[in-house]
Amino acid sequence: MDVVFENVGAAVWPDVLKALVRGGRLVVCGATSGDQPGADLRRLFIRQLQVIGSTLGTLGEMHQLLAFCQQHGLRPVIGETFALEDVPAAFDLMESGRQFGKIAISLD
């Protein structure tokens, strides 16, 4: 791959580095599974990879994104919703990696 936007972190870091072509770019924008991945430095310099950190955009960009999502009917995939008192079970599911889509917490 030429470019990978990666927000998972340590759990996928080695595979992401292997997937990049020579001169590929890795944009890191999260660390859900851990923020201390092992780094194969040889792969970084031999393949001339670029690692780029990225955070959120501006408030104006967020408003543009929300308007775009509303205009085109885009919605996130919610895999499971948990009650607030069941947050430990939600964390267990997330930690297991068995979920598909987002895990939501209901505050009702």
Protein backbone atom coordinates (compact mmCIF):
# COMPACT_ATOMS: atom_id res chain seq x y z
CA MET A 1 0.00 0.00 0.00
CA ASP A 2 1.14 3.53 -0.67
CA VAL A 3 -0.61 5.12 2.33
CA VAL A 4 -2.16 3.62 5.46
CA PHE A 5 -4.27 5.59 7.95
CA GLU A 6 -3.83 3.65 11.16
CA ASN A 7 -5.73 4.23 14.40
CA VAL A 8 -5.42 0.84 16.14
CA GLY A 9 -1.85 0.95 17.40
CA ALA A 10 0.39 -1.81 18.72
CA ALA A 11 -1.81 -4.76 17.65
CA VAL A 12 -1.46 -4.02 13.92
CA TRP A 13 1.77 -2.01 13.71
CA PRO A 14 4.03 -4.84 12.39
CA ASP A 15 1.50 -5.83 9.71
CA VAL A 16 0.98 -2.23 8.63
CA LEU A 17 4.72 -1.71 8.17
CA LYS A 18 4.90 -4.90 6.07
CA ALA A 19 1.99 -3.75 3.90
CA LEU A 20 3.64 -0.48 2.87
CA VAL A 21 5.54 -0.25 -0.42
CA ARG A 22 8.96 1.38 -0.75
CA GLY A 23 8.46 5.08 0.03
CA GLY A 24 5.06 4.37 1.61
CA ARG A 25 3.48 6.61 4.23
CA LEU A 26 1.91 5.61 7.52
CA VAL A 27 -0.44 8.20 9.02
CA VAL A 28 -0.91 7.44 12.72
CA CYS A 29 -4.05 8.93 14.25
CA GLY A 30 -4.80 6.70 17.23
CA ALA A 31 -3.58 3.98 19.56
CA THR A 32 -6.63 1.98 20.65
CA SER A 33 -4.68 -1.24 21.25
CA GLY A 34 -1.61 0.38 22.78
CA ASP A 35 0.78 3.24 22.18
CA GLN A 36 4.09 1.36 22.49
CA PRO A 37 4.42 -0.79 19.36
CA GLY A 38 7.66 -2.51 18.51
CA ALA A 39 9.32 -0.80 15.57
CA ASP A 40 11.30 -2.65 12.93
CA LEU A 41 13.71 0.20 12.28
CA ARG A 42 15.42 -1.68 9.44
CA ARG A 43 12.13 -1.85 7.53
CA LEU A 44 11.64 1.89 8.09
CA PHE A 45 14.97 2.95 6.62
CA ILE A 46 15.49 0.24 3.99
CA ARG A 47 12.02 0.84 2.50
CA GLN A 48 12.27 4.59 3.10
CA LEU A 49 8.93 4.71 4.92
CA GLN A 50 7.44 7.88 6.34
CA VAL A 51 5.55 7.91 9.63
CA ILE A 52 3.27 10.92 10.03
CA GLY A 53 1.34 11.79 13.18
CA SER A 54 -2.08 13.36 12.81
CA THR A 55 -4.72 14.62 15.23
CA LEU A 56 -8.16 16.13 14.87
CA GLY A 57 -8.92 18.92 12.43
CA THR A 58 -10.34 22.33 13.16
CA LEU A 59 -13.82 23.00 14.53
CA GLY A 60 -14.83 24.29 11.09
CA GLU A 61 -13.68 21.04 9.48
CA MET A 62 -15.73 19.09 12.02
CA HIS A 63 -18.83 21.11 11.07
CA GLN A 64 -18.13 20.41 7.37
CA LEU A 65 -17.77 16.70 8.08
CA LEU A 66 -21.02 16.55 10.06
CA ALA A 67 -22.87 18.40 7.29
CA PHE A 68 -21.45 16.00 4.70
CA CYS A 69 -22.51 12.98 6.75
CA GLN A 70 -26.01 14.36 7.21
CA GLN A 71 -26.35 15.29 3.53
CA HIS A 72 -25.29 11.83 2.35
CA GLY A 73 -26.94 9.80 5.12
CA LEU A 74 -23.67 8.40 6.47
CA ARG A 75 -23.91 6.66 9.82
CA PRO A 76 -21.32 4.72 11.82
CA VAL A 77 -21.78 0.96 12.12
CA ILE A 78 -22.80 0.25 15.73
CA GLY A 79 -21.93 -3.36 16.51
CA GLU A 80 -23.30 -3.49 20.04
CA THR A 81 -24.79 -1.10 22.58
CA PHE A 82 -24.24 -1.53 26.32
CA ALA A 83 -25.96 0.07 29.30
CA LEU A 84 -23.74 2.26 31.46
CA GLU A 85 -23.61 -0.37 34.21
CA ASP A 86 -22.34 -2.92 31.63
CA VAL A 87 -19.25 -0.91 30.62
CA PRO A 88 -16.91 -3.68 31.92
CA ALA A 89 -18.53 -6.11 29.45
CA ALA A 90 -18.09 -3.55 26.67
CA PHE A 91 -14.38 -3.27 27.50
CA ASP A 92 -14.12 -7.07 27.53
CA LEU A 93 -15.64 -7.21 24.06
CA MET A 94 -13.32 -4.50 22.78
CA GLU A 95 -10.28 -6.19 24.29
CA SER A 96 -11.23 -9.52 22.68
CA GLY A 97 -11.33 -7.99 19.21
CA ARG A 98 -14.57 -9.87 18.39
CA GLN A 99 -16.67 -6.78 17.71
CA PHE A 100 -17.69 -5.50 14.31
CA GLY A 101 -18.26 -1.78 14.16
CA LYS A 102 -18.36 0.59 17.08
CA ILE A 103 -19.21 -0.25 20.66
CA ALA A 104 -21.72 2.24 22.07
CA ILE A 105 -22.65 3.05 25.67
CA SER A 106 -26.26 4.06 26.33
CA LEU A 107 -26.67 6.79 28.96
CA ASP A 108 -30.44 6.33 29.29
